[in-house]
Amino acid sequence: MTVVLRIAACVVACASFAISAVADAADEATIVFVGDVMLDDGPGRVVARGRDPFGPFAAHIDGADLRVANLECVVARGGTAEPDKPWTFRAHPRVLRPLARHFDAVSLANNHSGDYGPAAFAEMLGRLDRHRVAWFGGGHDLAEAHRARIVERHGLRIALLGYDEFFPRSFEAQPDTPGVAWSEDDQVVRDIAEARHAGADLVIPFMHWGWEHETTASARQRRLARLMIDAGADAVIGGHPHVVQDVEIHRGRPIVYSLGNFVFDGFDAPVNNTGWLLRLAVDREGVRRADVVVARIDRDGVPHPARDAAPCWERGEDAWTTCIPDRPRRSTRRR
């Protein structure tokens, strides 16, 4: 009888361990982030010719559980170009088909999503909704622009926040006017707390900041990134400078200051035609692993994966190291 009881106890314990292991595996997800995606001009012509500008990177993008980009243009037919801006970008709505094929969510917090005014911005929100592409970092009004977009994947509630720090501030949402979320330190801290209060397991701000063509993050970027981590962010990711920037670990959480361009034409320098796709493996404790796939952008603005050494990191390490990316990671779980 004693032997039988011991065997039964072992079976129960082993079954409990197996169930726990399955639960732990279910509470993991993969996220990819890419930087500036501008679908006017060259990339827009690529789409008009029936090509997919994300196609060369599809194997690296589509296997992730959550796929996020910075949409660096307005997608609309209406609106009027801002008269004082040297570059304004408005993409034809047909670009939403390839965008929706490869991405689940886009940040609108940048210095081009308002290029054609509030009416075009509001039109874009409706078009993104109809294509089932979630958006954040902007909204129909100020409150909505600062509200986190919470996406659930495999039992994890992932909150995405977006903020712009680069002029013109006139694109900022108002209490009754569509626009972007502008970055104010106290408000950012409150937004992170609100996302946690809303039930988020992870909070990731996606920033539009820094100086163009600077490959090292500014003191302002570093100060704000650390503030966001201290306030409860699980990672901080940035873009805007049109180049990749350095990376950092603060209190065991990753900071990627700039992913650079991803789909963008009009640059001649190799440094501007190099971007990063960031891959994160996350669980309830935050980011477990991070690595980068380098993108080389052709004259049409289309990115192509390169097997270049790039930053990588795993939980428990004090600093990023350098790795050669492995084959594309594919999720076997249904979204």
Protein backbone atom coordinates (compact mmCIF):
# COMPACT_ATOMS: atom_id res chain seq x y z
CA MET A 1 0.00 0.00 0.00
CA THR A 2 2.85 2.40 0.87
CA VAL A 3 4.50 1.75 -2.49
CA VAL A 4 1.22 2.34 -4.32
CA LEU A 5 0.69 5.62 -2.48
CA ARG A 6 4.21 6.75 -3.32
CA ILE A 7 3.69 5.89 -6.98
CA ALA A 8 0.37 7.77 -7.00
CA ALA A 9 2.00 10.79 -5.38
CA CYS A 10 4.75 10.73 -8.00
CA VAL A 11 2.20 10.56 -10.83
CA VAL A 12 0.30 13.53 -9.40
CA ALA A 13 3.51 15.53 -8.91
CA CYS A 14 4.76 14.75 -12.41
CA ALA A 15 1.39 15.64 -13.93
CA SER A 16 1.33 18.91 -11.99
CA PHE A 17 4.84 19.74 -13.22
CA ALA A 18 3.82 18.99 -16.82
CA ILE A 19 0.72 21.17 -16.55
CA SER A 20 2.81 23.97 -15.04
CA ALA A 21 5.37 23.69 -17.85
CA VAL A 22 2.63 23.91 -20.49
CA ALA A 23 1.12 26.94 -18.73
CA ASP A 24 4.54 28.60 -18.56
CA ALA A 25 5.09 27.99 -22.28
CA ALA A 26 1.65 29.36 -23.10
CA ASP A 27 2.47 32.60 -21.27
CA GLU A 28 5.25 33.48 -23.70
CA ALA A 29 5.05 35.50 -26.88
CA THR A 30 7.30 36.90 -29.58
CA ILE A 31 7.13 40.51 -30.73
CA VAL A 32 8.88 42.20 -33.64
CA PHE A 33 9.37 45.95 -33.95
CA VAL A 34 10.58 47.81 -37.02
CA GLY A 35 11.39 51.49 -37.40
CA ASP A 36 10.22 54.07 -39.90
CA VAL A 37 7.80 52.75 -42.53
CA MET A 38 7.11 55.44 -45.13
CA LEU A 39 4.75 54.19 -47.85
CA ASP A 40 4.62 57.28 -50.10
CA ASP A 41 7.09 57.99 -52.95
CA GLY A 42 9.32 55.01 -53.85
CA PRO A 43 7.67 52.42 -51.60
CA GLY A 44 4.26 53.66 -52.75
CA ARG A 45 5.28 53.10 -56.36
CA VAL A 46 6.45 49.59 -55.43
CA VAL A 47 2.96 48.82 -54.12
CA ALA A 48 1.32 50.45 -57.17
CA ARG A 49 3.29 48.04 -59.38
CA GLY A 50 1.88 45.09 -57.43
CA ARG A 51 4.95 44.32 -55.35
CA ASP A 52 5.10 43.86 -51.59
CA PRO A 53 7.76 46.11 -49.96
CA PHE A 54 7.78 43.86 -46.89
CA GLY A 55 8.14 40.67 -48.93
CA PRO A 56 11.91 40.16 -48.52
CA PHE A 57 11.48 40.34 -44.74
CA ALA A 58 8.24 38.32 -44.53
CA ALA A 59 9.92 35.26 -43.02
CA HIS A 60 11.28 37.38 -40.15
CA ILE A 61 8.08 39.37 -39.60
CA ASP A 62 5.22 36.96 -40.09
CA GLY A 63 6.32 34.30 -37.62
CA ALA A 64 5.99 36.64 -34.63
CA ASP A 65 2.94 36.71 -32.41
CA LEU A 66 2.77 40.52 -32.45
CA ARG A 67 4.20 42.69 -35.24
CA VAL A 68 4.65 46.45 -34.74
CA ALA A 69 5.88 49.28 -36.99
CA ASN A 70 6.15 53.07 -36.93
CA LEU A 71 3.91 54.34 -39.73
CA GLU A 72 5.85 57.39 -40.92
CA CYS A 73 3.18 58.89 -43.19
CA VAL A 74 -0.51 59.55 -43.34
CA VAL A 75 -2.59 57.08 -45.35
CA ALA A 76 -5.50 59.01 -46.84
CA ARG A 77 -6.97 60.59 -49.94
CA GLY A 78 -8.07 63.84 -48.29
CA GLY A 79 -6.37 66.69 -46.50
CA THR A 80 -4.02 69.48 -47.49
CA ALA A 81 -0.24 69.40 -47.18
CA GLU A 82 1.28 71.47 -44.37
CA PRO A 83 2.64 74.52 -46.23
CA ASP A 84 5.72 75.10 -44.06
CA LYS A 85 7.09 71.53 -44.08
CA PRO A 86 9.88 70.67 -46.55
CA TRP A 87 8.77 67.01 -46.77
CA THR A 88 5.20 65.79 -46.48
CA PHE A 89 4.15 62.16 -46.95
CA ARG A 90 0.66 60.93 -47.88
CA ALA A 91 0.35 57.32 -49.04
CA HIS A 92 -2.44 55.92 -51.21
CA PRO A 93 -4.85 53.67 -49.26
CA ARG A 94 -3.82 50.66 -51.39
CA VAL A 95 -0.65 50.42 -49.25
CA LEU A 96 -2.81 49.19 -46.37
CA ARG A 97 -3.15 45.75 -47.95
CA PRO A 98 0.52 44.78 -47.62
CA LEU A 99 0.78 46.66 -44.33
CA ALA A 100 -2.13 44.71 -42.83
CA ARG A 101 -0.72 41.46 -44.22
CA HIS A 102 2.46 41.82 -42.18
CA PHE A 103 1.69 44.05 -39.17
CA ASP A 104 -0.79 43.93 -36.32
CA ALA A 105 -0.21 47.42 -34.88
CA VAL A 106 1.37 50.72 -35.88
CA SER A 107 2.55 53.73 -33.94
CA LEU A 108 1.24 57.05 -35.25
CA ALA A 109 3.39 59.16 -32.91
CA ASN A 110 5.76 60.78 -35.37
CA ASN A 111 6.40 64.01 -37.26
CA HIS A 112 4.71 62.94 -40.52
CA SER A 113 1.37 61.37 -39.60
CA GLY A 114 -0.10 64.88 -39.37
CA ASP A 115 1.36 66.11 -42.67
CA TYR A 116 -2.06 66.59 -44.28
CA GLY A 117 -3.97 67.91 -41.28
CA PRO A 118 -6.40 66.53 -38.69
CA ALA A 119 -9.04 65.47 -41.23
CA ALA A 120 -6.59 63.23 -43.12
CA PHE A 121 -5.32 61.89 -39.79
CA ALA A 122 -8.89 60.96 -38.77
CA GLU A 123 -9.46 59.39 -42.19
CA MET A 124 -6.37 57.23 -41.64
CA LEU A 125 -7.71 56.00 -38.29
CA GLY A 126 -10.87 54.77 -39.98
CA ARG A 127 -8.96 53.09 -42.79
CA LEU A 128 -6.65 51.31 -40.34
CA ASP A 129 -9.68 50.11 -38.39
CA ARG A 130 -11.27 48.69 -41.53
CA HIS A 131 -8.06 46.81 -42.31
CA ARG A 132 -7.90 45.57 -38.70
CA VAL A 133 -4.56 47.21 -38.00
CA ALA A 134 -4.43 48.45 -34.42
CA TRP A 135 -2.96 51.90 -33.82
CA PHE A 136 -1.51 53.75 -30.85
CA GLY A 137 0.38 56.96 -30.12
CA GLY A 138 -2.45 58.95 -31.67
CA GLY A 139 -6.21 59.17 -31.65
CA HIS A 140 -9.40 61.06 -32.31
CA ASP A 141 -8.66 63.25 -29.27
CA LEU A 142 -6.03 63.85 -26.60
CA ALA A 143 -7.26 61.20 -24.18
CA GLU A 144 -7.34 58.50 -26.84
CA ALA A 145 -3.86 59.45 -28.10
CA HIS A 146 -2.41 58.77 -24.65
CA ARG A 147 -4.36 55.57 -24.01
CA ALA A 148 -2.32 52.39 -24.30
CA ARG A 149 -3.26 49.87 -26.95
CA ILE A 150 -3.45 46.56 -25.10
CA VAL A 151 -3.02 43.47 -27.26
CA GLU A 152 -3.39 39.97 -25.85
CA ARG A 153 -1.16 37.17 -27.05
CA HIS A 154 -1.02 33.71 -25.41
CA GLY A 155 -2.44 34.98 -22.13
CA LEU A 156 -0.15 38.03 -21.99
CA ARG A 157 -1.66 41.52 -22.08
CA ILE A 158 0.89 43.72 -23.86
CA ALA A 159 0.42 47.50 -23.67
CA LEU A 160 1.84 49.65 -26.47
CA LEU A 161 2.34 53.40 -25.96
CA GLY A 162 3.70 55.85 -28.53
CA TYR A 163 5.09 59.39 -28.19
CA ASP A 164 6.52 62.02 -30.50
CA GLU A 165 9.27 64.44 -29.44
CA PHE A 166 10.11 65.95 -32.80
CA PHE A 167 8.47 69.08 -34.27
CA PRO A 168 5.96 70.20 -35.31
CA ARG A 169 4.06 70.04 -32.06
CA SER A 170 1.03 71.31 -33.97
CA PHE A 171 0.36 67.63 -34.82
CA GLU A 172 -0.45 66.96 -31.15
CA ALA A 173 -3.99 65.79 -30.40
CA GLN A 174 -6.24 68.23 -28.56
CA PRO A 175 -9.22 67.55 -26.28
CA ASP A 176 -11.53 67.51 -29.31
CA THR A 177 -9.10 67.26 -32.27
CA PRO A 178 -7.33 64.21 -33.77
CA GLY A 179 -3.55 63.99 -33.57
CA VAL A 180 -0.52 62.36 -31.99
CA ALA A 181 0.61 61.85 -28.41
CA TRP A 182 3.30 64.35 -27.48
CA SER A 183 5.97 63.33 -24.99
CA GLU A 184 5.79 65.09 -21.62
CA ASP A 185 7.66 63.30 -18.84
CA ASP A 186 4.95 63.48 -16.17
CA GLN A 187 2.25 62.42 -18.62
CA VAL A 188 4.32 59.50 -19.90
CA VAL A 189 4.79 58.24 -16.33
CA ARG A 190 1.04 58.55 -15.72
CA ASP A 191 0.26 56.70 -18.95
CA ILE A 192 2.51 53.80 -17.94
CA ALA A 193 0.76 53.61 -14.58
CA GLU A 194 -2.66 53.74 -16.28
CA ALA A 195 -1.67 50.87 -18.57
CA ARG A 196 -0.73 48.78 -15.54
CA HIS A 197 -3.99 49.73 -13.85
CA ALA A 198 -5.86 48.59 -16.98
CA GLY A 199 -4.39 45.11 -16.51
CA ALA A 200 -1.30 45.11 -18.73
CA ASP A 201 1.30 42.44 -17.98
CA LEU A 202 3.91 44.29 -20.04
CA VAL A 203 4.24 47.94 -21.05
CA ILE A 204 6.42 48.98 -24.00
CA PRO A 205 6.72 52.65 -25.06
CA PHE A 206 7.69 53.21 -28.72
CA MET A 207 9.36 56.63 -28.99
CA HIS A 208 9.92 59.07 -31.86
CA TRP A 209 12.87 61.10 -30.61
CA GLY A 210 16.52 62.09 -30.97
CA TRP A 211 18.41 64.07 -33.60
CA GLU A 212 18.47 63.01 -37.23
CA HIS A 213 21.60 61.20 -38.44
CA GLU A 214 23.09 60.97 -34.91
CA THR A 215 24.23 57.39 -34.24
CA THR A 216 24.48 57.88 -30.47
CA ALA A 217 21.49 58.63 -28.28
CA SER A 218 21.31 62.06 -26.69
CA ALA A 219 21.36 62.80 -22.98
CA ARG A 220 17.64 63.61 -23.25
CA GLN A 221 16.85 60.19 -24.74
CA ARG A 222 18.84 58.40 -22.05
CA ARG A 223 17.24 60.34 -19.23
CA LEU A 224 13.70 59.73 -20.46
CA ALA A 225 14.32 56.05 -21.28
CA ARG A 226 15.56 55.38 -17.76
CA LEU A 227 12.64 57.33 -16.32
CA MET A 228 10.20 55.13 -18.23
CA ILE A 229 11.91 51.95 -17.04
CA ASP A 230 11.86 53.26 -13.46
CA ALA A 231 8.13 53.99 -13.91
CA GLY A 232 7.42 50.39 -14.90
CA ALA A 233 8.14 49.99 -18.62
CA ASP A 234 9.45 46.55 -19.58
CA ALA A 235 11.41 47.84 -22.59
CA VAL A 236 11.86 51.13 -24.42
CA ILE A 237 12.16 51.25 -28.20
CA GLY A 238 12.78 54.26 -30.40
CA GLY A 239 13.10 55.62 -33.88
CA HIS A 240 13.22 58.84 -35.94
CA PRO A 241 16.95 59.64 -36.46
CA HIS A 242 17.01 57.72 -39.81
CA VAL A 243 19.99 55.75 -38.44
CA VAL A 244 20.32 53.03 -35.85
CA GLN A 245 21.63 54.10 -32.45
CA ASP A 246 23.21 52.43 -29.46
CA VAL A 247 21.50 50.04 -27.04
CA GLU A 248 21.47 49.81 -23.26
CA ILE A 249 20.25 47.76 -20.30
CA HIS A 250 18.72 49.60 -17.35
CA ARG A 251 17.58 47.69 -14.29
CA GLY A 252 17.56 44.47 -16.29
CA ARG A 253 15.34 45.88 -19.07
CA PRO A 254 16.39 46.58 -22.67
CA ILE A 255 16.52 49.99 -24.34
CA VAL A 256 16.93 50.30 -28.11
CA TYR A 257 17.29 54.00 -28.87
CA SER A 258 16.68 53.89 -32.62
CA LEU A 259 15.75 51.14 -35.06
CA GLY A 260 16.53 53.42 -38.00
CA ASN A 261 14.66 53.27 -41.29
CA PHE A 262 12.86 50.14 -42.46
CA VAL A 263 10.80 51.02 -45.55
CA PHE A 264 12.02 54.40 -46.76
CA ASP A 265 13.61 55.82 -49.89
CA GLY A 266 15.44 59.06 -50.71
CA PHE A 267 18.70 58.47 -48.81
CA ASP A 268 22.11 57.95 -50.37
CA ALA A 269 24.34 57.17 -47.38
CA PRO A 270 24.65 53.51 -46.35
CA VAL A 271 24.09 54.48 -42.71
CA ASN A 272 20.61 55.77 -43.63
CA ASN A 273 19.85 52.67 -45.66
CA THR A 274 20.57 50.34 -42.76
CA GLY A 275 17.85 49.50 -40.25
CA TRP A 276 17.01 46.94 -37.60
CA LEU A 277 14.19 44.50 -37.04
CA LEU A 278 14.04 43.91 -33.28
CA ARG A 279 12.80 40.55 -32.00
CA LEU A 280 11.64 40.22 -28.39
CA ALA A 281 10.69 37.05 -26.52
CA VAL A 282 8.50 38.06 -23.57
CA ASP A 283 6.82 36.45 -20.59
CA ARG A 284 5.12 37.66 -17.42
CA GLU A 285 8.44 38.87 -16.01
CA GLY A 286 9.15 41.08 -19.02
CA VAL A 287 11.60 40.63 -21.89
CA ARG A 288 13.39 37.30 -21.76
CA ARG A 289 15.46 37.64 -24.91
CA ALA A 290 16.14 40.28 -27.56
CA ASP A 291 18.01 40.20 -30.84
CA VAL A 292 18.26 42.12 -34.09
CA VAL A 293 18.11 41.32 -37.80
CA VAL A 294 19.87 43.93 -39.94
CA ALA A 295 18.02 45.40 -42.92
CA ARG A 296 19.70 46.78 -46.04
CA ILE A 297 17.37 49.11 -47.90
CA ASP A 298 17.47 49.31 -51.70
CA ARG A 299 16.91 52.38 -53.90
CA ASP A 300 13.14 51.75 -53.95
CA GLY A 301 13.03 51.85 -50.16
CA VAL A 302 12.57 48.08 -49.78
CA PRO A 303 14.47 46.33 -46.93
CA HIS A 304 16.40 43.08 -47.37
CA PRO A 305 17.69 40.93 -44.49
CA ALA A 306 21.45 40.69 -43.97
CA ARG A 307 23.31 38.15 -41.84
CA ASP A 308 25.41 40.83 -40.17
CA ALA A 309 26.49 40.70 -36.56
CA ALA A 310 23.98 42.67 -34.48
CA PRO A 311 23.04 43.32 -30.84
CA CYS A 312 21.56 40.52 -28.75
CA TRP A 313 20.71 40.05 -25.08
CA GLU A 314 19.20 37.56 -22.65
CA ARG A 315 17.68 38.11 -19.24
CA GLY A 316 20.33 38.01 -16.54
CA GLU A 317 23.02 39.59 -18.70
CA ASP A 318 24.29 43.01 -17.66
CA ALA A 319 24.87 44.30 -21.19
CA TRP A 320 24.06 43.62 -24.83
CA THR A 321 26.48 41.45 -26.78
CA THR A 322 26.82 40.75 -30.52
CA CYS A 323 25.36 37.76 -32.35
CA ILE A 324 24.88 36.51 -35.87
CA PRO A 325 21.09 36.14 -36.29
CA ASP A 326 19.76 32.62 -36.67
CA ARG A 327 17.07 31.52 -39.06
CA PRO A 328 13.69 33.25 -38.81
CA ARG A 329 11.78 32.19 -35.70
CA ARG A 330 8.26 31.01 -36.44
CA SER A 331 5.46 30.77 -33.93
CA THR A 332 3.64 27.43 -33.89
CA ARG A 333 0.75 28.91 -31.94
CA ARG A 334 -2.35 30.46 -33.41
CA ARG A 335 -2.93 34.16 -32.88
